[in-house]
N, C-alpha and C. Protein backbone atom coordinates (compact mmCIF):
# COMPACT_ATOMS: atom_id res chain seq x y z
N MET A 1 174.78 256.27 118.12
CA MET A 1 175.09 256.30 116.71
C MET A 1 176.01 255.11 116.39
N VAL A 2 175.66 254.36 115.37
CA VAL A 2 176.42 253.20 114.97
C VAL A 2 177.67 253.68 114.24
N TRP A 3 178.75 252.86 114.26
CA TRP A 3 180.04 253.28 113.74
C TRP A 3 180.00 253.66 112.26
N TRP A 4 179.16 252.99 111.44
CA TRP A 4 179.13 253.31 110.02
C TRP A 4 178.31 254.57 109.71
N GLN A 5 177.63 255.11 110.75
CA GLN A 5 176.88 256.34 110.57
C GLN A 5 177.67 257.57 111.00
N GLN A 6 178.90 257.37 111.42
CA GLN A 6 179.75 258.50 111.80
C GLN A 6 180.07 259.35 110.57
N PRO A 7 180.16 260.67 110.72
CA PRO A 7 180.45 261.54 109.58
C PRO A 7 181.79 261.19 108.90
N PHE A 8 182.79 260.79 109.69
CA PHE A 8 184.08 260.43 109.10
C PHE A 8 183.91 259.26 108.14
N ILE A 9 183.19 258.25 108.56
CA ILE A 9 183.00 257.05 107.75
C ILE A 9 182.18 257.36 106.50
N GLN A 10 181.17 258.20 106.61
CA GLN A 10 180.28 258.47 105.49
C GLN A 10 180.81 259.51 104.52
N VAL A 11 181.66 260.43 105.01
CA VAL A 11 182.10 261.53 104.15
C VAL A 11 183.60 261.45 103.86
N ALA A 12 184.40 261.49 104.89
CA ALA A 12 185.84 261.63 104.71
C ALA A 12 186.49 260.34 104.20
N LEU A 13 186.10 259.21 104.70
CA LEU A 13 186.73 257.96 104.30
C LEU A 13 186.56 257.67 102.80
N PRO A 14 185.38 257.81 102.21
CA PRO A 14 185.28 257.61 100.76
C PRO A 14 186.14 258.58 99.96
N ILE A 15 186.27 259.81 100.44
CA ILE A 15 187.12 260.78 99.75
C ILE A 15 188.58 260.35 99.83
N ILE A 16 189.01 259.92 100.99
CA ILE A 16 190.39 259.48 101.18
C ILE A 16 190.68 258.27 100.30
N VAL A 17 189.75 257.31 100.27
CA VAL A 17 189.94 256.11 99.44
C VAL A 17 190.00 256.51 97.96
N THR A 18 189.15 257.43 97.54
CA THR A 18 189.16 257.89 96.15
C THR A 18 190.50 258.52 95.80
N PHE A 19 191.01 259.38 96.68
CA PHE A 19 192.30 260.01 96.42
C PHE A 19 193.43 258.97 96.39
N ALA A 20 193.38 257.98 97.26
CA ALA A 20 194.41 256.95 97.28
C ALA A 20 194.41 256.15 95.97
N ILE A 21 193.23 255.76 95.51
CA ILE A 21 193.13 255.00 94.26
C ILE A 21 193.57 255.85 93.07
N ALA A 22 193.14 257.12 93.05
CA ALA A 22 193.53 258.01 91.95
C ALA A 22 195.04 258.20 91.93
N THR A 23 195.66 258.32 93.09
CA THR A 23 197.11 258.49 93.16
C THR A 23 197.83 257.26 92.61
N LEU A 24 197.34 256.09 92.95
CA LEU A 24 197.96 254.86 92.43
C LEU A 24 197.87 254.79 90.91
N PHE A 25 196.70 255.06 90.37
CA PHE A 25 196.54 255.02 88.91
C PHE A 25 197.37 256.10 88.23
N GLN A 26 197.41 257.28 88.83
CA GLN A 26 198.17 258.37 88.23
C GLN A 26 199.67 258.08 88.24
N SER A 27 200.17 257.48 89.32
CA SER A 27 201.60 257.17 89.38
C SER A 27 201.96 256.13 88.32
N LYS A 28 201.07 255.18 88.06
CA LYS A 28 201.33 254.19 87.00
C LYS A 28 201.37 254.89 85.65
N ARG A 29 200.48 255.83 85.44
CA ARG A 29 200.45 256.55 84.17
C ARG A 29 201.71 257.39 84.00
N ILE A 30 202.17 258.01 85.08
CA ILE A 30 203.39 258.82 85.01
C ILE A 30 204.59 257.92 84.68
N ASP A 31 204.63 256.72 85.26
CA ASP A 31 205.72 255.79 84.94
C ASP A 31 205.69 255.39 83.47
N ASP A 32 204.49 255.15 82.94
CA ASP A 32 204.37 254.80 81.52
C ASP A 32 204.84 255.95 80.63
N LEU A 33 204.47 257.17 80.99
CA LEU A 33 204.90 258.33 80.22
C LEU A 33 206.41 258.51 80.29
N SER A 34 206.98 258.25 81.46
CA SER A 34 208.43 258.37 81.63
C SER A 34 209.16 257.36 80.74
N LYS A 35 208.65 256.14 80.69
CA LYS A 35 209.26 255.12 79.82
C LYS A 35 209.16 255.53 78.36
N ARG A 36 208.02 256.09 77.98
CA ARG A 36 207.83 256.52 76.58
C ARG A 36 208.80 257.64 76.22
N ILE A 37 208.98 258.58 77.14
CA ILE A 37 209.92 259.68 76.90
C ILE A 37 211.34 259.15 76.76
N ASP A 38 211.71 258.18 77.60
CA ASP A 38 213.05 257.58 77.49
C ASP A 38 213.23 256.89 76.14
N ASP A 39 212.19 256.18 75.68
CA ASP A 39 212.27 255.52 74.37
C ASP A 39 212.43 256.54 73.26
N LEU A 40 211.68 257.63 73.34
CA LEU A 40 211.79 258.67 72.32
C LEU A 40 213.17 259.32 72.34
N ARG A 41 213.72 259.53 73.53
CA ARG A 41 215.04 260.12 73.65
C ARG A 41 216.10 259.20 73.02
N ASP A 42 215.98 257.90 73.27
CA ASP A 42 216.92 256.95 72.66
C ASP A 42 216.80 256.94 71.14
N SER A 43 215.57 256.97 70.66
CA SER A 43 215.34 256.98 69.21
C SER A 43 215.92 258.24 68.59
N LEU A 44 215.73 259.37 69.23
CA LEU A 44 216.27 260.62 68.72
C LEU A 44 217.79 260.59 68.71
N GLY A 45 218.39 260.01 69.75
CA GLY A 45 219.85 259.88 69.79
C GLY A 45 220.38 259.04 68.63
N ARG A 46 219.69 257.95 68.34
CA ARG A 46 220.12 257.11 67.21
C ARG A 46 220.00 257.86 65.89
N ARG A 47 218.92 258.60 65.73
CA ARG A 47 218.73 259.37 64.48
C ARG A 47 219.81 260.44 64.33
N LEU A 48 220.13 261.12 65.43
CA LEU A 48 221.16 262.15 65.36
C LEU A 48 222.53 261.55 65.05
N ASP A 49 222.81 260.36 65.60
CA ASP A 49 224.07 259.69 65.29
C ASP A 49 224.15 259.33 63.80
N ALA A 50 223.03 258.85 63.25
CA ALA A 50 223.01 258.51 61.82
C ALA A 50 223.22 259.76 60.97
N ILE A 51 222.61 260.87 61.35
CA ILE A 51 222.79 262.12 60.60
C ILE A 51 224.25 262.57 60.68
N GLU A 52 224.84 262.44 61.85
CA GLU A 52 226.24 262.84 62.03
C GLU A 52 227.16 262.00 61.14
N GLN A 53 226.89 260.70 61.05
CA GLN A 53 227.70 259.83 60.19
C GLN A 53 227.56 260.21 58.72
N ARG A 54 226.31 260.51 58.31
CA ARG A 54 226.12 260.92 56.91
C ARG A 54 226.84 262.22 56.61
N LEU A 55 226.79 263.17 57.54
CA LEU A 55 227.49 264.44 57.34
C LEU A 55 229.00 264.24 57.26
N ALA A 56 229.53 263.33 58.06
CA ALA A 56 230.96 263.04 58.00
C ALA A 56 231.33 262.46 56.63
N ARG A 57 230.48 261.56 56.10
CA ARG A 57 230.75 261.00 54.77
C ARG A 57 230.69 262.08 53.70
N ILE A 58 229.75 262.99 53.80
CA ILE A 58 229.64 264.08 52.83
C ILE A 58 230.87 264.97 52.91
N GLU A 59 231.34 265.26 54.13
CA GLU A 59 232.56 266.06 54.28
C GLU A 59 233.75 265.37 53.62
N ASN A 60 233.85 264.08 53.79
CA ASN A 60 234.95 263.33 53.17
C ASN A 60 234.86 263.37 51.65
N LEU A 61 233.64 263.24 51.12
CA LEU A 61 233.46 263.31 49.67
C LEU A 61 233.83 264.69 49.15
N LEU A 62 233.42 265.74 49.85
CA LEU A 62 233.76 267.09 49.42
C LEU A 62 235.26 267.34 49.47
N ALA A 63 235.91 266.83 50.50
CA ALA A 63 237.37 266.97 50.59
C ALA A 63 238.04 266.23 49.44
N ASP A 64 237.54 265.06 49.09
CA ASP A 64 238.08 264.29 47.97
C ASP A 64 237.88 265.04 46.65
N HIS A 65 236.69 265.59 46.45
CA HIS A 65 236.44 266.37 45.24
C HIS A 65 237.33 267.61 45.17
N ASP A 66 237.54 268.23 46.33
CA ASP A 66 238.41 269.41 46.37
C ASP A 66 239.83 269.04 45.95
N ARG A 67 240.31 267.88 46.42
CA ARG A 67 241.66 267.44 46.03
C ARG A 67 241.74 267.15 44.53
N ARG A 68 240.68 266.55 43.99
CA ARG A 68 240.66 266.24 42.55
C ARG A 68 240.67 267.53 41.72
N ILE A 69 239.86 268.52 42.16
CA ILE A 69 239.78 269.77 41.42
C ILE A 69 241.12 270.51 41.50
N THR A 70 241.76 270.49 42.65
CA THR A 70 243.05 271.15 42.82
C THR A 70 244.10 270.49 41.93
N ALA A 71 244.02 269.18 41.78
CA ALA A 71 244.99 268.46 40.94
C ALA A 71 244.84 268.80 39.47
N LEU A 72 243.64 269.17 39.06
CA LEU A 72 243.44 269.52 37.66
C LEU A 72 244.05 270.88 37.39
């Protein structure tokens, strides 16, 4: 039997190569998804910081109005 007619070469080796290639492509995809999640997390953090600043300004305005009303 010639070496390329061995069952390992004809059956198992193509399966192993397929799994190796699929693993490489999948790991690249997982890295891309991880980067996207990090970008979304950063964006969400910036949005929450902006909301917090607006709420602080509103609190200051309400405190100022409260002082004005008390003075009247």
